[in-house]
Amino acid sequence: MKKIILSAALFAFAGLTIANASEVNKPSDIIVQQDSVTKTPVELKDLPEPVKATLQTEPVKQWTPTAAFLVTNADKTTYYQIDIKKGDETASVRLDAEGKPVK
């Protein structure tokens, strides 16, 4: 009788373990969105005149331009990113072709 009760208890425990182990969680959906921004290097001397004029105004005039890029977004809008330096500090300015700041 003891063996029967122990066997029944063992089968019940094994059955619960198998039932819990077979539960499968549905994986969540992953959405990937590719960033379609392109940066094309531009020589500082080749920047549009309005952009050059903006770089000569305060407070940007205190900084030295080091590199420039023409950035094209996925929606085909473009702006110029000009990397600037002042001593040990570095920053970048984003201007459209008319020399106006871009957010």
Foldseek 3Di string as FASTA:
>chain_A
DVVVVVVVVVVVVVVVVVVVVPDDDDDDDDDDDDWPKDKAWDDPVPQAPLQVVLCCDPPNVQWAWDTKIWIAGPVRAIWMWTWTHHVPDIDIFTAHSNNHGDD
